[in-house]
């Protein structure tokens, strides 16, 4: 599964959320080799969204997303693994079920 971690510049916030996602998925028993991550700025993220399974970003960038395309998760507090877990895991499970 390819997950795009998208933020304004593609560096700071996207790295924070990527690290949180990795820890949350590991706690849920997912194999890290089953996931590929791309850290991206808005422009790049929109370009690679069609080749990805999921976008994770903040509500500030929701208006930049294609609402009819790749599923996305909006995280308010990038430091909150609890929030990442609550919002990410159901979407990941749904995507993985569709791929089976």
PDB file of N, CA and C in Angstrom:
ATOM      1  N   UNK A   1       0.851  -1.174   0.000  1.00  0.00           N
ATOM      2  CA  UNK A   1       0.000   0.000   0.000  1.00  0.00           C
ATOM      3  C   UNK A   1       0.892   1.230   0.000  1.00  0.00           C
ATOM      4  N   UNK A   2       0.585   2.149  -0.886  1.00  0.00           N
ATOM      5  CA  UNK A   2       1.359   3.389  -0.961  1.00  0.00           C
ATOM      6  C   UNK A   2       0.586   4.506  -0.271  1.00  0.00           C
ATOM      7  N   UNK A   3       1.255   5.134   0.715  1.00  0.00           N
ATOM      8  CA  UNK A   3       0.665   6.229   1.480  1.00  0.00           C
ATOM      9  C   UNK A   3       1.455   7.495   1.214  1.00  0.00           C
ATOM     10  N   UNK A   4       0.746   8.545   0.808  1.00  0.00           N
ATOM     11  CA  UNK A   4       1.379   9.844   0.608  1.00  0.00           C
ATOM     12  C   UNK A   4       1.134  10.692   1.852  1.00  0.00           C
ATOM     13  N   UNK A   5       2.209  11.166   2.452  1.00  0.00           N
ATOM     14  CA  UNK A   5       2.151  12.085   3.592  1.00  0.00           C
ATOM     15  C   UNK A   5       2.401  13.470   3.023  1.00  0.00           C
ATOM     16  N   UNK A   6       1.364  14.292   3.000  1.00  0.00           N
ATOM     17  CA  UNK A   6       1.424  15.551   2.279  1.00  0.00           C
ATOM     18  C   UNK A   6       1.355  16.749   3.216  1.00  0.00           C
ATOM     19  N   UNK A   7       2.237  17.714   2.986  1.00  0.00           N
ATOM     20  CA  UNK A   7       2.208  18.968   3.729  1.00  0.00           C
ATOM     21  C   UNK A   7       2.619  20.102   2.799  1.00  0.00           C
ATOM     22  N   UNK A   8       2.666  21.293   3.324  1.00  0.00           N
ATOM     23  CA  UNK A   8       2.941  22.465   2.511  1.00  0.00           C
ATOM     24  C   UNK A   8       4.244  22.418   1.741  1.00  0.00           C
ATOM     25  N   UNK A   9       5.298  22.020   2.403  1.00  0.00           N
ATOM     26  CA  UNK A   9       6.614  21.997   1.768  1.00  0.00           C
ATOM     27  C   UNK A   9       7.130  20.581   1.501  1.00  0.00           C
ATOM     28  N   UNK A  10       6.455  19.578   2.048  1.00  0.00           N
ATOM     29  CA  UNK A  10       6.874  18.194   1.821  1.00  0.00           C
ATOM     30  C   UNK A  10       8.026  17.741   2.696  1.00  0.00           C
ATOM     31  N   UNK A  11       8.261  18.458   3.809  1.00  0.00           N
ATOM     32  CA  UNK A  11       9.409  18.122   4.645  1.00  0.00           C
ATOM     33  C   UNK A  11       8.989  17.857   6.093  1.00  0.00           C
ATOM     34  N   UNK A  12       8.687  18.890   6.850  1.00  0.00           N
ATOM     35  CA  UNK A  12       8.496  18.778   8.291  1.00  0.00           C
ATOM     36  C   UNK A  12       7.269  18.016   8.734  1.00  0.00           C
ATOM     37  N   UNK A  13       6.114  18.528   8.421  1.00  0.00           N
ATOM     38  CA  UNK A  13       4.871  17.898   8.862  1.00  0.00           C
ATOM     39  C   UNK A  13       4.697  16.519   8.264  1.00  0.00           C
ATOM     40  N   UNK A  14       5.072  16.360   7.021  1.00  0.00           N
ATOM     41  CA  UNK A  14       4.915  15.056   6.378  1.00  0.00           C
ATOM     42  C   UNK A  14       5.813  14.009   7.034  1.00  0.00           C
ATOM     43  N   UNK A  15       6.976  14.412   7.486  1.00  0.00           N
ATOM     44  CA  UNK A  15       7.862  13.481   8.189  1.00  0.00           C
ATOM     45  C   UNK A  15       7.266  13.093   9.536  1.00  0.00           C
ATOM     46  N   UNK A  16       6.715  14.050  10.266  1.00  0.00           N
ATOM     47  CA  UNK A  16       6.086  13.752  11.557  1.00  0.00           C
ATOM     48  C   UNK A  16       4.946  12.752  11.406  1.00  0.00           C
ATOM     49  N   UNK A  17       4.082  12.993  10.442  1.00  0.00           N
ATOM     50  CA  UNK A  17       2.945  12.099  10.273  1.00  0.00           C
ATOM     51  C   UNK A  17       3.400  10.728   9.764  1.00  0.00           C
ATOM     52  N   UNK A  18       4.400  10.674   8.921  1.00  0.00           N
ATOM     53  CA  UNK A  18       4.935   9.393   8.443  1.00  0.00           C
ATOM     54  C   UNK A  18       5.453   8.564   9.605  1.00  0.00           C
ATOM     55  N   UNK A  19       6.196   9.178  10.494  1.00  0.00           N
ATOM     56  CA  UNK A  19       6.737   8.457  11.647  1.00  0.00           C
ATOM     57  C   UNK A  19       5.610   7.956  12.545  1.00  0.00           C
ATOM     58  N   UNK A  20       4.591   8.773  12.748  1.00  0.00           N
ATOM     59  CA  UNK A  20       3.445   8.347  13.553  1.00  0.00           C
ATOM     60  C   UNK A  20       2.706   7.192  12.900  1.00  0.00           C
ATOM     61  N   UNK A  21       2.522   7.262  11.605  1.00  0.00           N
ATOM     62  CA  UNK A  21       1.838   6.191  10.871  1.00  0.00           C
ATOM     63  C   UNK A  21       2.616   4.889  11.010  1.00  0.00           C
ATOM     64  N   UNK A  22       3.911   4.950  10.842  1.00  0.00           N
ATOM     65  CA  UNK A  22       4.732   3.741  10.949  1.00  0.00           C
ATOM     66  C   UNK A  22       4.578   3.086  12.320  1.00  0.00           C
ATOM     67  N   UNK A  23       4.605   3.886  13.368  1.00  0.00           N
ATOM     68  CA  UNK A  23       4.465   3.331  14.723  1.00  0.00           C
ATOM     69  C   UNK A  23       3.076   2.743  14.945  1.00  0.00           C
ATOM     70  N   UNK A  24       2.048   3.444  14.487  1.00  0.00           N
ATOM     71  CA  UNK A  24       0.671   2.962  14.658  1.00  0.00           C
ATOM     72  C   UNK A  24       0.473   1.649  13.901  1.00  0.00           C
ATOM     73  N   UNK A  25       0.916   1.586  12.662  1.00  0.00           N
ATOM     74  CA  UNK A  25       0.752   0.362  11.884  1.00  0.00           C
ATOM     75  C   UNK A  25       1.516  -0.800  12.513  1.00  0.00           C
ATOM     76  N   UNK A  26       2.700  -0.537  13.026  1.00  0.00           N
ATOM     77  CA  UNK A  26       3.480  -1.589  13.690  1.00  0.00           C
ATOM     78  C   UNK A  26       2.745  -2.110  14.922  1.00  0.00           C
ATOM     79  N   UNK A  27       2.161  -1.218  15.698  1.00  0.00           N
ATOM     80  CA  UNK A  27       1.408  -1.639  16.893  1.00  0.00           C
ATOM     81  C   UNK A  27       0.204  -2.504  16.534  1.00  0.00           C
ATOM     82  N   UNK A  28      -0.320  -2.306  15.346  1.00  0.00           N
ATOM     83  CA  UNK A  28      -1.469  -3.092  14.897  1.00  0.00           C
ATOM     84  C   UNK A  28      -1.041  -4.358  14.150  1.00  0.00           C
ATOM     85  N   UNK A  29       0.243  -4.632  14.145  1.00  0.00           N
ATOM     86  CA  UNK A  29       0.743  -5.878  13.576  1.00  0.00           C
ATOM     87  C   UNK A  29       0.955  -5.894  12.077  1.00  0.00           C
ATOM     88  N   UNK A  30       0.877  -4.737  11.448  1.00  0.00           N
ATOM     89  CA  UNK A  30       1.124  -4.687  10.013  1.00  0.00           C
ATOM     90  C   UNK A  30       2.615  -4.782   9.727  1.00  0.00           C
ATOM     91  N   UNK A  31       2.953  -5.453   8.647  1.00  0.00           N
ATOM     92  CA  UNK A  31       4.338  -5.609   8.234  1.00  0.00           C
ATOM     93  C   UNK A  31       4.784  -4.343   7.504  1.00  0.00           C
ATOM     94  N   UNK A  32       5.854  -3.746   7.963  1.00  0.00           N
ATOM     95  CA  UNK A  32       6.330  -2.491   7.359  1.00  0.00           C
ATOM     96  C   UNK A  32       6.664  -2.643   5.882  1.00  0.00           C
ATOM     97  N   UNK A  33       7.000  -3.845   5.444  1.00  0.00           N
ATOM     98  CA  UNK A  33       7.330  -4.059   4.029  1.00  0.00           C
ATOM     99  C   UNK A  33       6.109  -3.972   3.119  1.00  0.00           C
ATOM    100  N   UNK A  34       4.921  -4.012   3.719  1.00  0.00           N
ATOM    101  CA  UNK A  34       3.691  -3.915   2.927  1.00  0.00           C
ATOM    102  C   UNK A  34       3.277  -2.472   2.652  1.00  0.00           C
ATOM    103  N   UNK A  35       4.075  -1.531   3.173  1.00  0.00           N
ATOM    104  CA  UNK A  35       3.739  -0.117   3.028  1.00  0.00           C
ATOM    105  C   UNK A  35       4.902   0.656   2.428  1.00  0.00           C
ATOM    106  N   UNK A  36       4.553   1.549   1.541  1.00  0.00           N
ATOM    107  CA  UNK A  36       5.519   2.447   0.918  1.00  0.00           C
ATOM    108  C   UNK A  36       5.036   3.861   1.206  1.00  0.00           C
ATOM    109  N   UNK A  37       5.965   4.743   1.533  1.00  0.00           N
ATOM    110  CA  UNK A  37       5.602   6.112   1.889  1.00  0.00           C
ATOM    111  C   UNK A  37       6.243   7.099   0.934  1.00  0.00           C
ATOM    112  N   UNK A  38       5.502   8.137   0.673  1.00  0.00           N
ATOM    113  CA  UNK A  38       6.013   9.248  -0.122  1.00  0.00           C
ATOM    114  C   UNK A  38       5.718  10.516   0.662  1.00  0.00           C
ATOM    115  N   UNK A  39       6.735  11.280   0.959  1.00  0.00           N
ATOM    116  CA  UNK A  39       6.544  12.592   1.577  1.00  0.00           C
ATOM    117  C   UNK A  39       6.483  13.600   0.449  1.00  0.00           C
ATOM    118  N   UNK A  40       5.457  14.442   0.468  1.00  0.00           N
ATOM    119  CA  UNK A  40       5.264  15.324  -0.677  1.00  0.00           C
ATOM    120  C   UNK A  40       4.712  16.674  -0.267  1.00  0.00           C
ATOM    121  N   UNK A  41       5.073  17.680  -1.056  1.00  0.00           N
ATOM    122  CA  UNK A  41       4.440  18.987  -0.926  1.00  0.00           C
ATOM    123  C   UNK A  41       3.097  18.910  -1.659  1.00  0.00           C
ATOM    124  N   UNK A  42       2.311  19.971  -1.579  1.00  0.00           N
ATOM    125  CA  UNK A  42       0.967  19.957  -2.173  1.00  0.00           C
ATOM    126  C   UNK A  42       0.963  19.629  -3.657  1.00  0.00           C
ATOM    127  N   UNK A  43       1.793  20.295  -4.400  1.00  0.00           N
ATOM    128  CA  UNK A  43       1.815  20.111  -5.854  1.00  0.00           C
ATOM    129  C   UNK A  43       2.207  18.686  -6.220  1.00  0.00           C
ATOM    130  N   UNK A  44       3.268  18.187  -5.615  1.00  0.00           N
ATOM    131  CA  UNK A  44       3.722  16.821  -5.890  1.00  0.00           C
ATOM    132  C   UNK A  44       2.684  15.818  -5.413  1.00  0.00           C
ATOM    133  N   UNK A  45       2.126  16.061  -4.230  1.00  0.00           N
ATOM    134  CA  UNK A  45       1.120  15.159  -3.676  1.00  0.00           C
ATOM    135  C   UNK A  45      -0.082  15.002  -4.590  1.00  0.00           C
ATOM    136  N   UNK A  46      -0.538  16.101  -5.146  1.00  0.00           N
ATOM    137  CA  UNK A  46      -1.665  16.015  -6.083  1.00  0.00           C
ATOM    138  C   UNK A  46      -1.290  15.213  -7.321  1.00  0.00           C
ATOM    139  N   UNK A  47      -0.053  15.340  -7.743  1.00  0.00           N
ATOM    140  CA  UNK A  47       0.396  14.619  -8.933  1.00  0.00           C
ATOM    141  C   UNK A  47       0.514  13.125  -8.736  1.00  0.00           C
ATOM    142  N   UNK A  48       0.945  12.708  -7.568  1.00  0.00           N
ATOM    143  CA  UNK A  48       1.130  11.278  -7.332  1.00  0.00           C
ATOM    144  C   UNK A  48      -0.078  10.615  -6.665  1.00  0.00           C
ATOM    145  N   UNK A  49      -1.080  11.400  -6.320  1.00  0.00           N
ATOM    146  CA  UNK A  49      -2.260  10.865  -5.630  1.00  0.00           C
ATOM    147  C   UNK A  49      -2.931   9.746  -6.421  1.00  0.00           C
ATOM    148  N   UNK A  50      -3.001   9.888  -7.729  1.00  0.00           N
ATOM    149  CA  UNK A  50      -3.664   8.874  -8.551  1.00  0.00           C
ATOM    150  C   UNK A  50      -2.893   7.563  -8.614  1.00  0.00           C
ATOM    151  N   UNK A  51      -1.656   7.578  -8.187  1.00  0.00           N
ATOM    152  CA  UNK A  51      -0.821   6.380  -8.188  1.00  0.00           C
ATOM    153  C   UNK A  51      -0.600   5.877  -6.769  1.00  0.00           C
ATOM    154  N   UNK A  52      -1.402   6.363  -5.837  1.00  0.00           N
ATOM    155  CA  UNK A  52      -1.266   6.023  -4.422  1.00  0.00           C
ATOM    156  C   UNK A  52      -2.580   5.450  -3.905  1.00  0.00           C
ATOM    157  N   UNK A  53      -2.496   4.820  -2.740  1.00  0.00           N
ATOM    158  CA  UNK A  53      -3.681   4.225  -2.139  1.00  0.00           C
ATOM    159  C   UNK A  53      -4.344   5.130  -1.110  1.00  0.00           C
ATOM    160  N   UNK A  54      -3.555   6.038  -0.515  1.00  0.00           N
ATOM    161  CA  UNK A  54      -4.073   6.859   0.575  1.00  0.00           C
ATOM    162  C   UNK A  54      -3.230   8.113   0.719  1.00  0.00           C
ATOM    163  N   UNK A  55      -3.897   9.215   1.025  1.00  0.00           N
ATOM    164  CA  UNK A  55      -3.212  10.474   1.331  1.00  0.00           C
ATOM    165  C   UNK A  55      -3.490  10.802   2.792  1.00  0.00           C
ATOM    166  N   UNK A  56      -2.458  11.208   3.504  1.00  0.00           N
ATOM    167  CA  UNK A  56      -2.613  11.671   4.881  1.00  0.00           C
ATOM    168  C   UNK A  56      -2.072  13.089   4.938  1.00  0.00           C
ATOM    169  N   UNK A  57      -2.901  14.002   5.432  1.00  0.00           N
ATOM    170  CA  UNK A  57      -2.521  15.410   5.511  1.00  0.00           C
ATOM    171  C   UNK A  57      -3.294  16.082   6.642  1.00  0.00           C
ATOM    172  N   UNK A  58      -3.198  17.388   6.714  1.00  0.00           N
ATOM    173  CA  UNK A  58      -3.916  18.155   7.738  1.00  0.00           C
ATOM    174  C   UNK A  58      -5.150  18.815   7.117  1.00  0.00           C
ATOM    175  N   UNK A  59      -6.110  19.218   7.946  1.00  0.00           N
ATOM    176  CA  UNK A  59      -7.308  19.884   7.422  1.00  0.00           C
ATOM    177  C   UNK A  59      -6.994  21.156   6.624  1.00  0.00           C
ATOM    178  N   UNK A  60      -5.868  21.777   6.902  1.00  0.00           N
ATOM    179  CA  UNK A  60      -5.498  23.003   6.193  1.00  0.00           C
ATOM    180  C   UNK A  60      -5.349  22.781   4.692  1.00  0.00           C
ATOM    181  N   UNK A  61      -5.073  21.542   4.294  1.00  0.00           N
ATOM    182  CA  UNK A  61      -4.842  21.252   2.881  1.00  0.00           C
ATOM    183  C   UNK A  61      -5.977  20.466   2.237  1.00  0.00           C
ATOM    184  N   UNK A  62      -7.089  20.311   2.953  1.00  0.00           N
ATOM    185  CA  UNK A  62      -8.202  19.527   2.419  1.00  0.00           C
ATOM    186  C   UNK A  62      -8.736  20.113   1.110  1.00  0.00           C
ATOM    187  N   UNK A  63      -8.785  21.415   1.016  1.00  0.00           N
ATOM    188  CA  UNK A  63      -9.314  22.041  -0.203  1.00  0.00           C
ATOM    189  C   UNK A  63      -8.435  21.767  -1.425  1.00  0.00           C
ATOM    190  N   UNK A  64      -7.207  21.332  -1.212  1.00  0.00           N
ATOM    191  CA  UNK A  64      -6.295  21.028  -2.316  1.00  0.00           C
ATOM    192  C   UNK A  64      -6.445  19.604  -2.821  1.00  0.00           C
ATOM    193  N   UNK A  65      -7.257  18.798  -2.140  1.00  0.00           N
ATOM    194  CA  UNK A  65      -7.394  17.392  -2.498  1.00  0.00           C
ATOM    195  C   UNK A  65      -8.508  17.186  -3.509  1.00  0.00           C
ATOM    196  N   UNK A  66      -8.347  16.167  -4.338  1.00  0.00           N
ATOM    197  CA  UNK A  66      -9.382  15.756  -5.283  1.00  0.00           C
ATOM    198  C   UNK A  66     -10.376  14.887  -4.510  1.00  0.00           C
ATOM    199  N   UNK A  67     -11.547  15.398  -4.252  1.00  0.00           N
ATOM    200  CA  UNK A  67     -12.542  14.706  -3.420  1.00  0.00           C
ATOM    201  C   UNK A  67     -13.113  13.455  -4.092  1.00  0.00           C
ATOM    202  N   UNK A  68     -12.897  13.280  -5.376  1.00  0.00           N
ATOM    203  CA  UNK A  68     -13.414  12.110  -6.087  1.00  0.00           C
ATOM    204  C   UNK A  68     -12.319  11.105  -6.411  1.00  0.00           C
ATOM    205  N   UNK A  69     -11.167  11.301  -5.853  1.00  0.00           N
ATOM    206  CA  UNK A  69     -10.044  10.432  -6.188  1.00  0.00           C
ATOM    207  C   UNK A  69      -9.596   9.555  -5.033  1.00  0.00           C
ATOM    208  N   UNK A  70      -8.329   9.610  -4.753  1.00  0.00           N
ATOM    209  CA  UNK A  70      -7.695   8.795  -3.732  1.00  0.00           C
ATOM    210  C   UNK A  70      -8.264   9.098  -2.350  1.00  0.00           C
ATOM    211  N   UNK A  71      -8.547   8.060  -1.551  1.00  0.00           N
ATOM    212  CA  UNK A  71      -9.025   8.306  -0.183  1.00  0.00           C
ATOM    213  C   UNK A  71      -7.991   9.106   0.615  1.00  0.00           C
ATOM    214  N   UNK A  72      -8.483   9.870   1.575  1.00  0.00           N
ATOM    215  CA  UNK A  72      -7.571  10.650   2.393  1.00  0.00           C
ATOM    216  C   UNK A  72      -8.017  10.663   3.844  1.00  0.00           C
ATOM    217  N   UNK A  73      -7.034  10.913   4.710  1.00  0.00           N
ATOM    218  CA  UNK A  73      -7.256  11.036   6.150  1.00  0.00           C
ATOM    219  C   UNK A  73      -6.699  12.382   6.567  1.00  0.00           C
ATOM    220  N   UNK A  74      -7.476  13.127   7.347  1.00  0.00           N
ATOM    221  CA  UNK A  74      -7.045  14.440   7.835  1.00  0.00           C
ATOM    222  C   UNK A  74      -6.672  14.331   9.308  1.00  0.00           C
ATOM    223  N   UNK A  75      -5.469  14.735   9.636  1.00  0.00           N
ATOM    224  CA  UNK A  75      -4.967  14.671  11.005  1.00  0.00           C
ATOM    225  C   UNK A  75      -4.806  16.092  11.535  1.00  0.00           C
ATOM    226  N   UNK A  76      -5.483  16.404  12.637  1.00  0.00           N
ATOM    227  CA  UNK A  76      -5.377  17.727  13.255  1.00  0.00           C
ATOM    228  C   UNK A  76      -4.082  17.895  14.027  1.00  0.00           C
ATOM    229  N   UNK A  77      -3.759  16.916  14.870  1.00  0.00           N
ATOM    230  CA  UNK A  77      -2.581  16.991  15.735  1.00  0.00           C
ATOM    231  C   UNK A  77      -1.569  15.954  15.279  1.00  0.00           C
ATOM    232  N   UNK A  78      -0.559  16.392  14.575  1.00  0.00           N
ATOM    233  CA  UNK A  78       0.435  15.475  14.008  1.00  0.00           C
ATOM    234  C   UNK A  78       1.247  14.734  15.059  1.00  0.00           C
ATOM    235  N   UNK A  79       1.212  15.219  16.298  1.00  0.00           N
ATOM    236  CA  UNK A  79       1.941  14.563  17.378  1.00  0.00           C
ATOM    237  C   UNK A  79       1.091  13.507  18.086  1.00  0.00           C
ATOM    238  N   UNK A  80      -0.189  13.434  17.766  1.00  0.00           N
ATOM    239  CA  UNK A  80      -1.111  12.531  18.450  1.00  0.00           C
ATOM    240  C   UNK A  80      -1.231  11.200  17.715  1.00  0.00           C
ATOM    241  N   UNK A  81      -0.532  10.207  18.203  1.00  0.00           N
ATOM    242  CA  UNK A  81      -0.645   8.882  17.600  1.00  0.00           C
ATOM    243  C   UNK A  81      -2.024   8.293  17.865  1.00  0.00           C
ATOM    244  N   UNK A  82      -2.678   8.736  18.923  1.00  0.00           N
ATOM    245  CA  UNK A  82      -4.043   8.283  19.185  1.00  0.00           C
ATOM    246  C   UNK A  82      -4.972   8.750  18.057  1.00  0.00           C
ATOM    247  N   UNK A  83      -4.859  10.019  17.669  1.00  0.00           N
ATOM    248  CA  UNK A  83      -5.674  10.522  16.573  1.00  0.00           C
ATOM    249  C   UNK A  83      -5.327   9.831  15.264  1.00  0.00           C
ATOM    250  N   UNK A  84      -4.045   9.653  15.009  1.00  0.00           N
ATOM    251  CA  UNK A  84      -3.625   8.955  13.790  1.00  0.00           C
ATOM    252  C   UNK A  84      -4.235   7.558  13.767  1.00  0.00           C
ATOM    253  N   UNK A  85      -4.146   6.869  14.883  1.00  0.00           N
ATOM    254  CA  UNK A  85      -4.687   5.512  14.977  1.00  0.00           C
ATOM    255  C   UNK A  85      -6.200   5.497  14.730  1.00  0.00           C
ATOM    256  N   UNK A  86      -6.928   6.376  15.405  1.00  0.00           N
ATOM    257  CA  UNK A  86      -8.391   6.404  15.279  1.00  0.00           C
ATOM    258  C   UNK A  86      -8.854   6.689  13.857  1.00  0.00           C
ATOM    259  N   UNK A  87      -8.129   7.532  13.154  1.00  0.00           N
ATOM    260  CA  UNK A  87      -8.552   7.920  11.815  1.00  0.00           C
ATOM    261  C   UNK A  87      -7.948   7.034  10.720  1.00  0.00           C
ATOM    262  N   UNK A  88      -6.734   6.569  10.934  1.00  0.00           N
ATOM    263  CA  UNK A  88      -6.016   5.842   9.888  1.00  0.00           C
ATOM    264  C   UNK A  88      -6.408   4.372   9.790  1.00  0.00           C
ATOM    265  N   UNK A  89      -6.452   3.680  10.915  1.00  0.00           N
ATOM    266  CA  UNK A  89      -6.638   2.221  10.891  1.00  0.00           C
ATOM    267  C   UNK A  89      -7.924   1.803  10.173  1.00  0.00           C
ATOM    268  N   UNK A  90      -9.079   2.418  10.437  1.00  0.00           N
ATOM    269  CA  UNK A  90     -10.282   2.001   9.697  1.00  0.00           C
ATOM    270  C   UNK A  90     -10.153   2.170   8.178  1.00  0.00           C
ATOM    271  N   UNK A  91      -9.492   3.226   7.757  1.00  0.00           N
ATOM    272  CA  UNK A  91      -9.324   3.472   6.319  1.00  0.00           C
ATOM    273  C   UNK A  91      -8.346   2.468   5.720  1.00  0.00           C
ATOM    274  N   UNK A  92      -7.254   2.204   6.406  1.00  0.00           N
ATOM    275  CA  UNK A  92      -6.281   1.216   5.936  1.00  0.00           C
ATOM    276  C   UNK A  92      -6.950  -0.152   5.806  1.00  0.00           C
ATOM    277  N   UNK A  93      -7.711  -0.546   6.817  1.00  0.00           N
ATOM    278  CA  UNK A  93      -8.388  -1.846   6.774  1.00  0.00           C
ATOM    279  C   UNK A  93      -9.370  -1.923   5.605  1.00  0.00           C
ATOM    280  N   UNK A  94     -10.085  -0.840   5.361  1.00  0.00           N
ATOM    281  CA  UNK A  94     -11.029  -0.803   4.249  1.00  0.00           C
ATOM    282  C   UNK A  94     -10.304  -0.934   2.905  1.00  0.00           C
ATOM    283  N   UNK A  95      -9.212  -0.222   2.750  1.00  0.00           N
ATOM    284  CA  UNK A  95      -8.439  -0.283   1.500  1.00  0.00           C
ATOM    285  C   UNK A  95      -7.877  -1.683   1.293  1.00  0.00           C
ATOM    286  N   UNK A  96      -7.330  -2.276   2.341  1.00  0.00           N
ATOM    287  CA  UNK A  96      -6.752  -3.619   2.225  1.00  0.00           C
ATOM    288  C   UNK A  96      -7.821  -4.657   1.893  1.00  0.00           C
ATOM    289  N   UNK A  97      -9.015  -4.497   2.442  1.00  0.00           N
ATOM    290  CA  UNK A  97     -10.106  -5.424   2.125  1.00  0.00           C
ATOM    291  C   UNK A  97     -10.478  -5.350   0.647  1.00  0.00           C
ATOM    292  N   UNK A  98     -10.503  -4.146   0.114  1.00  0.00           N
ATOM    293  CA  UNK A  98     -10.846  -3.969  -1.309  1.00  0.00           C
ATOM    294  C   UNK A  98      -9.797  -4.594  -2.217  1.00  0.00           C
ATOM    295  N   UNK A  99      -8.538  -4.629  -1.750  1.00  0.00           N
ATOM    296  CA  UNK A  99      -7.452  -5.167  -2.569  1.00  0.00           C
ATOM    297  C   UNK A  99      -7.440  -6.692  -2.585  1.00  0.00           C
ATOM    298  N   UNK A 100      -8.160  -7.324  -1.662  1.00  0.00           N
ATOM    299  CA  UNK A 100      -8.145  -8.796  -1.595  1.00  0.00           C
ATOM    300  C   UNK A 100      -9.022  -9.412  -2.630  1.00  0.00           C
TER     301      UNK A 100
END
